[in-house]
PDB file of N, CA and C in Angstrom:
ATOM      1  N   UNK A   1     137.101  88.967  38.582  1.00  0.00           N
ATOM      2  CA  UNK A   1     135.953  88.446  38.131  1.00  0.00           C
ATOM      3  C   UNK A   1     134.884  88.376  39.222  1.00  0.00           C
ATOM      4  N   UNK A   2     133.726  88.917  38.673  1.00  0.00           N
ATOM      5  CA  UNK A   2     132.686  89.221  39.550  1.00  0.00           C
ATOM      6  C   UNK A   2     131.775  87.985  39.832  1.00  0.00           C
ATOM      7  N   UNK A   3     130.620  88.302  40.519  1.00  0.00           N
ATOM      8  CA  UNK A   3     129.697  86.933  40.725  1.00  0.00           C
ATOM      9  C   UNK A   3     129.163  86.454  39.396  1.00  0.00           C
ATOM     10  N   UNK A   4     128.888  87.362  38.592  1.00  0.00           N
ATOM     11  CA  UNK A   4     128.181  87.084  37.263  1.00  0.00           C
ATOM     12  C   UNK A   4     129.423  86.293  36.511  1.00  0.00           C
ATOM     13  N   UNK A   5     130.592  86.518  36.585  1.00  0.00           N
ATOM     14  CA  UNK A   5     131.590  85.699  35.862  1.00  0.00           C
ATOM     15  C   UNK A   5     131.527  84.232  36.391  1.00  0.00           C
ATOM     16  N   UNK A   6     131.509  83.973  37.768  1.00  0.00           N
ATOM     17  CA  UNK A   6     131.601  82.946  38.440  1.00  0.00           C
ATOM     18  C   UNK A   6     130.281  82.041  38.154  1.00  0.00           C
ATOM     19  N   UNK A   7     129.091  82.794  38.178  1.00  0.00           N
ATOM     20  CA  UNK A   7     127.981  82.309  37.797  1.00  0.00           C
ATOM     21  C   UNK A   7     127.728  81.567  36.370  1.00  0.00           C
ATOM     22  N   UNK A   8     128.411  82.367  35.445  1.00  0.00           N
ATOM     23  CA  UNK A   8     128.352  81.845  33.996  1.00  0.00           C
ATOM     24  C   UNK A   8     129.358  80.651  33.803  1.00  0.00           C
ATOM     25  N   UNK A   9     130.338  80.814  34.520  1.00  0.00           N
ATOM     26  CA  UNK A   9     131.351  79.635  34.560  1.00  0.00           C
ATOM     27  C   UNK A   9     130.697  78.393  35.029  1.00  0.00           C
ATOM     28  N   UNK A  10     129.937  78.594  36.144  1.00  0.00           N
ATOM     29  CA  UNK A  10     129.257  77.372  36.837  1.00  0.00           C
ATOM     30  C   UNK A  10     128.085  76.864  35.867  1.00  0.00           C
ATOM     31  N   UNK A  11     127.352  77.828  35.142  1.00  0.00           N
ATOM     32  CA  UNK A  11     126.425  77.345  34.192  1.00  0.00           C
ATOM     33  C   UNK A  11     127.080  76.651  33.016  1.00  0.00           C
ATOM     34  N   UNK A  12     128.188  77.233  32.487  1.00  0.00           N
ATOM     35  CA  UNK A  12     128.819  76.566  31.404  1.00  0.00           C
ATOM     36  C   UNK A  12     129.373  75.068  31.899  1.00  0.00           C
ATOM     37  N   UNK A  13     129.805  75.059  33.085  1.00  0.00           N
ATOM     38  CA  UNK A  13     130.317  73.705  33.608  1.00  0.00           C
ATOM     39  C   UNK A  13     129.146  72.623  33.832  1.00  0.00           C
ATOM     40  N   UNK A  14     128.067  73.255  34.314  1.00  0.00           N
ATOM     41  CA  UNK A  14     126.878  72.508  34.481  1.00  0.00           C
ATOM     42  C   UNK A  14     126.408  71.928  33.125  1.00  0.00           C
ATOM     43  N   UNK A  15     126.547  72.869  32.012  1.00  0.00           N
ATOM     44  CA  UNK A  15     125.903  72.433  30.917  1.00  0.00           C
ATOM     45  C   UNK A  15     127.012  71.209  30.250  1.00  0.00           C
ATOM     46  N   UNK A  16     128.207  71.540  30.482  1.00  0.00           N
ATOM     47  CA  UNK A  16     129.095  70.580  29.816  1.00  0.00           C
ATOM     48  C   UNK A  16     128.942  69.185  30.671  1.00  0.00           C
ATOM     49  N   UNK A  17     128.707  69.265  31.920  1.00  0.00           N
ATOM     50  CA  UNK A  17     128.398  68.004  32.687  1.00  0.00           C
ATOM     51  C   UNK A  17     127.175  67.282  31.997  1.00  0.00           C
ATOM     52  N   UNK A  18     126.233  68.024  31.886  1.00  0.00           N
ATOM     53  CA  UNK A  18     124.962  67.450  31.448  1.00  0.00           C
ATOM     54  C   UNK A  18     125.339  66.773  30.065  1.00  0.00           C
ATOM     55  N   UNK A  19     125.951  67.606  29.252  1.00  0.00           N
ATOM     56  CA  UNK A  19     126.328  66.910  27.832  1.00  0.00           C
ATOM     57  C   UNK A  19     127.034  65.628  28.125  1.00  0.00           C
ATOM     58  N   UNK A  20     127.985  65.501  28.747  1.00  0.00           N
ATOM     59  CA  UNK A  20     128.750  64.505  29.238  1.00  0.00           C
ATOM     60  C   UNK A  20     127.962  63.248  29.736  1.00  0.00           C
ATOM     61  N   UNK A  21     127.177  63.537  30.765  1.00  0.00           N
ATOM     62  CA  UNK A  21     126.156  62.470  31.145  1.00  0.00           C
ATOM     63  C   UNK A  21     125.260  61.821  30.129  1.00  0.00           C
ATOM     64  N   UNK A  22     124.836  62.703  29.218  1.00  0.00           N
ATOM     65  CA  UNK A  22     123.906  62.354  28.124  1.00  0.00           C
ATOM     66  C   UNK A  22     124.773  61.379  27.211  1.00  0.00           C
ATOM     67  N   UNK A  23     125.889  61.915  26.759  1.00  0.00           N
ATOM     68  CA  UNK A  23     126.622  60.985  26.015  1.00  0.00           C
ATOM     69  C   UNK A  23     127.093  59.632  26.389  1.00  0.00           C
ATOM     70  N   UNK A  24     127.335  59.659  27.934  1.00  0.00           N
ATOM     71  CA  UNK A  24     127.615  58.474  28.788  1.00  0.00           C
ATOM     72  C   UNK A  24     126.403  57.609  28.633  1.00  0.00           C
ATOM     73  N   UNK A  25     125.314  57.974  28.773  1.00  0.00           N
ATOM     74  CA  UNK A  25     124.031  57.357  28.799  1.00  0.00           C
ATOM     75  C   UNK A  25     123.751  56.696  27.322  1.00  0.00           C
ATOM     76  N   UNK A  26     124.050  57.549  26.343  1.00  0.00           N
ATOM     77  CA  UNK A  26     123.912  57.096  25.028  1.00  0.00           C
ATOM     78  C   UNK A  26     124.797  56.095  24.681  1.00  0.00           C
ATOM     79  N   UNK A  27     126.050  56.011  25.281  1.00  0.00           N
ATOM     80  CA  UNK A  27     127.133  55.053  24.941  1.00  0.00           C
ATOM     81  C   UNK A  27     126.551  53.679  25.636  1.00  0.00           C
ATOM     82  N   UNK A  28     126.194  53.971  26.658  1.00  0.00           N
ATOM     83  CA  UNK A  28     125.691  52.774  27.774  1.00  0.00           C
ATOM     84  C   UNK A  28     124.629  52.146  26.874  1.00  0.00           C
ATOM     85  N   UNK A  29     123.588  52.867  26.387  1.00  0.00           N
ATOM     86  CA  UNK A  29     122.676  52.094  25.523  1.00  0.00           C
ATOM     87  C   UNK A  29     123.111  51.283  24.363  1.00  0.00           C
ATOM     88  N   UNK A  30     124.000  52.180  23.555  1.00  0.00           N
ATOM     89  CA  UNK A  30     124.433  51.401  22.454  1.00  0.00           C
ATOM     90  C   UNK A  30     125.310  50.229  22.842  1.00  0.00           C
ATOM     91  N   UNK A  31     126.153  50.339  23.964  1.00  0.00           N
ATOM     92  CA  UNK A  31     126.656  49.099  24.442  1.00  0.00           C
ATOM     93  C   UNK A  31     125.798  47.893  24.814  1.00  0.00           C
ATOM     94  N   UNK A  32     124.686  48.231  25.498  1.00  0.00           N
ATOM     95  CA  UNK A  32     123.788  47.308  25.682  1.00  0.00           C
ATOM     96  C   UNK A  32     123.147  46.671  24.505  1.00  0.00           C
ATOM     97  N   UNK A  33     122.886  47.293  23.637  1.00  0.00           N
ATOM     98  CA  UNK A  33     122.371  46.967  22.310  1.00  0.00           C
ATOM     99  C   UNK A  33     123.383  46.091  21.611  1.00  0.00           C
ATOM    100  N   UNK A  34     124.743  46.408  21.568  1.00  0.00           N
ATOM    101  CA  UNK A  34     125.560  45.623  20.914  1.00  0.00           C
ATOM    102  C   UNK A  34     125.705  44.356  21.785  1.00  0.00           C
ATOM    103  N   UNK A  35     125.705  44.424  22.941  1.00  0.00           N
ATOM    104  CA  UNK A  35     125.902  43.120  23.766  1.00  0.00           C
ATOM    105  C   UNK A  35     124.920  42.308  23.355  1.00  0.00           C
ATOM    106  N   UNK A  36     123.706  42.712  23.346  1.00  0.00           N
ATOM    107  CA  UNK A  36     122.556  41.866  23.024  1.00  0.00           C
ATOM    108  C   UNK A  36     122.741  41.221  21.632  1.00  0.00           C
ATOM    109  N   UNK A  37     123.172  41.960  20.714  1.00  0.00           N
ATOM    110  CA  UNK A  37     123.314  41.526  19.309  1.00  0.00           C
ATOM    111  C   UNK A  37     124.477  40.450  19.240  1.00  0.00           C
ATOM    112  N   UNK A  38     125.537  40.780  19.983  1.00  0.00           N
ATOM    113  CA  UNK A  38     126.537  39.625  20.117  1.00  0.00           C
ATOM    114  C   UNK A  38     125.977  38.459  20.679  1.00  0.00           C
ATOM    115  N   UNK A  39     125.229  38.341  21.651  1.00  0.00           N
ATOM    116  CA  UNK A  39     124.723  37.318  22.328  1.00  0.00           C
ATOM    117  C   UNK A  39     123.918  36.509  21.231  1.00  0.00           C
ATOM    118  N   UNK A  40     123.039  37.261  20.428  1.00  0.00           N
ATOM    119  CA  UNK A  40     122.184  36.651  19.349  1.00  0.00           C
ATOM    120  C   UNK A  40     123.105  36.048  18.410  1.00  0.00           C
ATOM    121  N   UNK A  41     124.041  36.836  17.853  1.00  0.00           N
ATOM    122  CA  UNK A  41     124.923  36.258  16.948  1.00  0.00           C
ATOM    123  C   UNK A  41     125.582  35.018  17.454  1.00  0.00           C
ATOM    124  N   UNK A  42     126.027  34.935  18.616  1.00  0.00           N
ATOM    125  CA  UNK A  42     126.768  33.690  19.098  1.00  0.00           C
ATOM    126  C   UNK A  42     125.735  32.740  19.250  1.00  0.00           C
ATOM    127  N   UNK A  43     124.638  32.892  19.751  1.00  0.00           N
ATOM    128  CA  UNK A  43     123.693  31.783  19.662  1.00  0.00           C
ATOM    129  C   UNK A  43     123.210  31.131  18.316  1.00  0.00           C
ATOM    130  N   UNK A  44     123.251  32.049  17.322  1.00  0.00           N
ATOM    131  CA  UNK A  44     122.962  31.445  16.057  1.00  0.00           C
ATOM    132  C   UNK A  44     124.161  30.791  15.531  1.00  0.00           C
ATOM    133  N   UNK A  45     125.338  31.208  15.932  1.00  0.00           N
ATOM    134  CA  UNK A  45     126.389  30.555  15.478  1.00  0.00           C
ATOM    135  C   UNK A  45     126.513  29.151  15.918  1.00  0.00           C
ATOM    136  N   UNK A  46     126.337  28.993  17.343  1.00  0.00           N
ATOM    137  CA  UNK A  46     126.078  27.701  18.085  1.00  0.00           C
ATOM    138  C   UNK A  46     125.152  26.808  17.442  1.00  0.00           C
ATOM    139  N   UNK A  47     124.060  27.295  17.051  1.00  0.00           N
ATOM    140  CA  UNK A  47     123.001  26.431  16.206  1.00  0.00           C
ATOM    141  C   UNK A  47     123.495  26.045  14.886  1.00  0.00           C
ATOM    142  N   UNK A  48     124.178  26.952  14.226  1.00  0.00           N
ATOM    143  CA  UNK A  48     124.646  26.674  12.848  1.00  0.00           C
ATOM    144  C   UNK A  48     125.954  25.604  13.054  1.00  0.00           C
ATOM    145  N   UNK A  49     126.860  25.602  13.937  1.00  0.00           N
ATOM    146  CA  UNK A  49     127.758  24.585  14.179  1.00  0.00           C
ATOM    147  C   UNK A  49     127.185  23.387  14.400  1.00  0.00           C
ATOM    148  N   UNK A  50     126.292  23.420  15.426  1.00  0.00           N
ATOM    149  CA  UNK A  50     125.566  22.017  15.698  1.00  0.00           C
ATOM    150  C   UNK A  50     124.907  21.287  14.454  1.00  0.00           C
ATOM    151  N   UNK A  51     124.401  22.162  13.688  1.00  0.00           N
ATOM    152  CA  UNK A  51     123.601  21.575  12.520  1.00  0.00           C
ATOM    153  C   UNK A  51     124.808  21.174  11.605  1.00  0.00           C
ATOM    154  N   UNK A  52     125.857  21.919  11.304  1.00  0.00           N
ATOM    155  CA  UNK A  52     126.830  21.333  10.566  1.00  0.00           C
ATOM    156  C   UNK A  52     127.478  20.143  11.001  1.00  0.00           C
ATOM    157  N   UNK A  53     127.698  19.925  12.459  1.00  0.00           N
ATOM    158  CA  UNK A  53     128.211  18.767  12.825  1.00  0.00           C
ATOM    159  C   UNK A  53     127.318  17.473  12.726  1.00  0.00           C
ATOM    160  N   UNK A  54     125.891  17.863  12.770  1.00  0.00           N
ATOM    161  CA  UNK A  54     124.894  16.778  12.509  1.00  0.00           C
ATOM    162  C   UNK A  54     125.026  16.367  11.051  1.00  0.00           C
ATOM    163  N   UNK A  55     125.189  17.318  10.191  1.00  0.00           N
ATOM    164  CA  UNK A  55     125.260  16.925   8.736  1.00  0.00           C
ATOM    165  C   UNK A  55     126.543  16.221   8.421  1.00  0.00           C
ATOM    166  N   UNK A  56     127.620  16.434   9.060  1.00  0.00           N
ATOM    167  CA  UNK A  56     128.729  15.744   8.890  1.00  0.00           C
ATOM    168  C   UNK A  56     128.489  14.203   9.342  1.00  0.00           C
ATOM    169  N   UNK A  57     128.036  14.094  10.617  1.00  0.00           N
ATOM    170  CA  UNK A  57     127.817  12.796  11.022  1.00  0.00           C
ATOM    171  C   UNK A  57     126.980  12.055  10.167  1.00  0.00           C
ATOM    172  N   UNK A  58     125.875  12.667   9.670  1.00  0.00           N
ATOM    173  CA  UNK A  58     124.856  11.968   8.781  1.00  0.00           C
ATOM    174  C   UNK A  58     125.535  11.441   7.564  1.00  0.00           C
ATOM    175  N   UNK A  59     126.339  12.334   7.057  1.00  0.00           N
ATOM    176  CA  UNK A  59     127.103  12.048   5.774  1.00  0.00           C
ATOM    177  C   UNK A  59     128.095  10.905   6.058  1.00  0.00           C
ATOM    178  N   UNK A  60     128.776  10.922   7.063  1.00  0.00           N
ATOM    179  CA  UNK A  60     129.522   9.747   7.302  1.00  0.00           C
ATOM    180  C   UNK A  60     128.830   8.572   7.422  1.00  0.00           C
ATOM    181  N   UNK A  61     127.834   8.455   8.116  1.00  0.00           N
ATOM    182  CA  UNK A  61     126.905   7.416   8.246  1.00  0.00           C
ATOM    183  C   UNK A  61     126.375   6.845   6.957  1.00  0.00           C
ATOM    184  N   UNK A  62     125.879   7.710   6.126  1.00  0.00           N
ATOM    185  CA  UNK A  62     125.302   7.525   4.782  1.00  0.00           C
ATOM    186  C   UNK A  62     126.532   6.705   3.933  1.00  0.00           C
ATOM    187  N   UNK A  63     127.611   7.417   3.992  1.00  0.00           N
ATOM    188  CA  UNK A  63     128.859   7.002   3.319  1.00  0.00           C
ATOM    189  C   UNK A  63     129.134   5.575   3.733  1.00  0.00           C
ATOM    190  N   UNK A  64     129.126   5.287   4.928  1.00  0.00           N
ATOM    191  CA  UNK A  64     129.365   3.877   5.508  1.00  0.00           C
ATOM    192  C   UNK A  64     128.288   2.997   4.941  1.00  0.00           C
ATOM    193  N   UNK A  65     127.128   3.397   5.001  1.00  0.00           N
ATOM    194  CA  UNK A  65     125.947   2.454   4.680  1.00  0.00           C
ATOM    195  C   UNK A  65     126.112   2.121   3.208  1.00  0.00           C
ATOM    196  N   UNK A  66     126.601   3.121   2.434  1.00  0.00           N
ATOM    197  CA  UNK A  66     126.662   3.022   0.795  1.00  0.00           C
ATOM    198  C   UNK A  66     127.764   1.997   0.680  1.00  0.00           C
ATOM    199  N   UNK A  67     128.956   2.086   1.323  1.00  0.00           N
ATOM    200  CA  UNK A  67     130.112   1.309   1.219  1.00  0.00           C
ATOM    201  C   UNK A  67     129.638  -0.235   1.497  1.00  0.00           C
ATOM    202  N   UNK A  68     128.940  -0.310   2.517  1.00  0.00           N
ATOM    203  CA  UNK A  68     128.385  -1.608   3.015  1.00  0.00           C
ATOM    204  C   UNK A  68     127.436  -2.232   1.953  1.00  0.00           C
ATOM    205  N   UNK A  69     126.767  -1.498   1.386  1.00  0.00           N
ATOM    206  CA  UNK A  69     125.741  -2.100   0.151  1.00  0.00           C
ATOM    207  C   UNK A  69     126.539  -2.443  -0.907  1.00  0.00           C
ATOM    208  N   UNK A  70     127.520  -1.537  -1.200  1.00  0.00           N
ATOM    209  CA  UNK A  70     128.202  -1.805  -2.519  1.00  0.00           C
ATOM    210  C   UNK A  70     129.190  -3.043  -2.488  1.00  0.00           C
ATOM    211  N   UNK A  71     129.633  -3.180  -1.166  1.00  0.00           N
ATOM    212  CA  UNK A  71     130.403  -4.406  -0.711  1.00  0.00           C
ATOM    213  C   UNK A  71     129.609  -5.752  -0.974  1.00  0.00           C
ATOM    214  N   UNK A  72     128.231  -5.592  -0.441  1.00  0.00           N
ATOM    215  CA  UNK A  72     127.401  -6.677  -0.448  1.00  0.00           C
ATOM    216  C   UNK A  72     127.044  -7.134  -1.886  1.00  0.00           C
ATOM    217  N   UNK A  73     126.812  -5.923  -2.729  1.00  0.00           N
ATOM    218  CA  UNK A  73     126.783  -6.141  -4.227  1.00  0.00           C
ATOM    219  C   UNK A  73     127.727  -6.910  -4.799  1.00  0.00           C
ATOM    220  N   UNK A  74     128.929  -6.405  -4.555  1.00  0.00           N
ATOM    221  CA  UNK A  74     130.035  -6.964  -5.164  1.00  0.00           C
ATOM    222  C   UNK A  74     130.323  -8.522  -4.750  1.00  0.00           C
ATOM    223  N   UNK A  75     129.897  -9.000  -3.480  1.00  0.00           N
ATOM    224  CA  UNK A  75     129.881 -10.365  -2.939  1.00  0.00           C
ATOM    225  C   UNK A  75     128.995 -11.257  -3.696  1.00  0.00           C
ATOM    226  N   UNK A  76     127.711 -10.413  -4.058  1.00  0.00           N
ATOM    227  CA  UNK A  76     126.702 -11.194  -4.506  1.00  0.00           C
ATOM    228  C   UNK A  76     127.072 -11.458  -6.176  1.00  0.00           C
ATOM    229  N   UNK A  77     127.490 -10.543  -6.750  1.00  0.00           N
ATOM    230  CA  UNK A  77     127.908 -10.594  -8.186  1.00  0.00           C
ATOM    231  C   UNK A  77     129.277 -11.401  -8.368  1.00  0.00           C
ATOM    232  N   UNK A  78     130.012 -11.429  -7.396  1.00  0.00           N
ATOM    233  CA  UNK A  78     131.267 -12.120  -7.562  1.00  0.00           C
ATOM    234  C   UNK A  78     131.294 -13.591  -7.403  1.00  0.00           C
TER     235      UNK A  78
END
């Protein structure tokens, strides 16, 4: 192999390395975007879970008040 063969091999190697580096950067950007999306979804889920918990608590309180009112009506009618 002459110097031209080595030069061509180095050029090919450099090009392949550039491609690998570019793909790595693309993957890093994709990873960052996905991590940001995961964070957004987790925060949205936390908000929904908290809202559902408040709903369950309110439903329980309302049910207890209704039962109390019905009990008072039964006592008043009885």
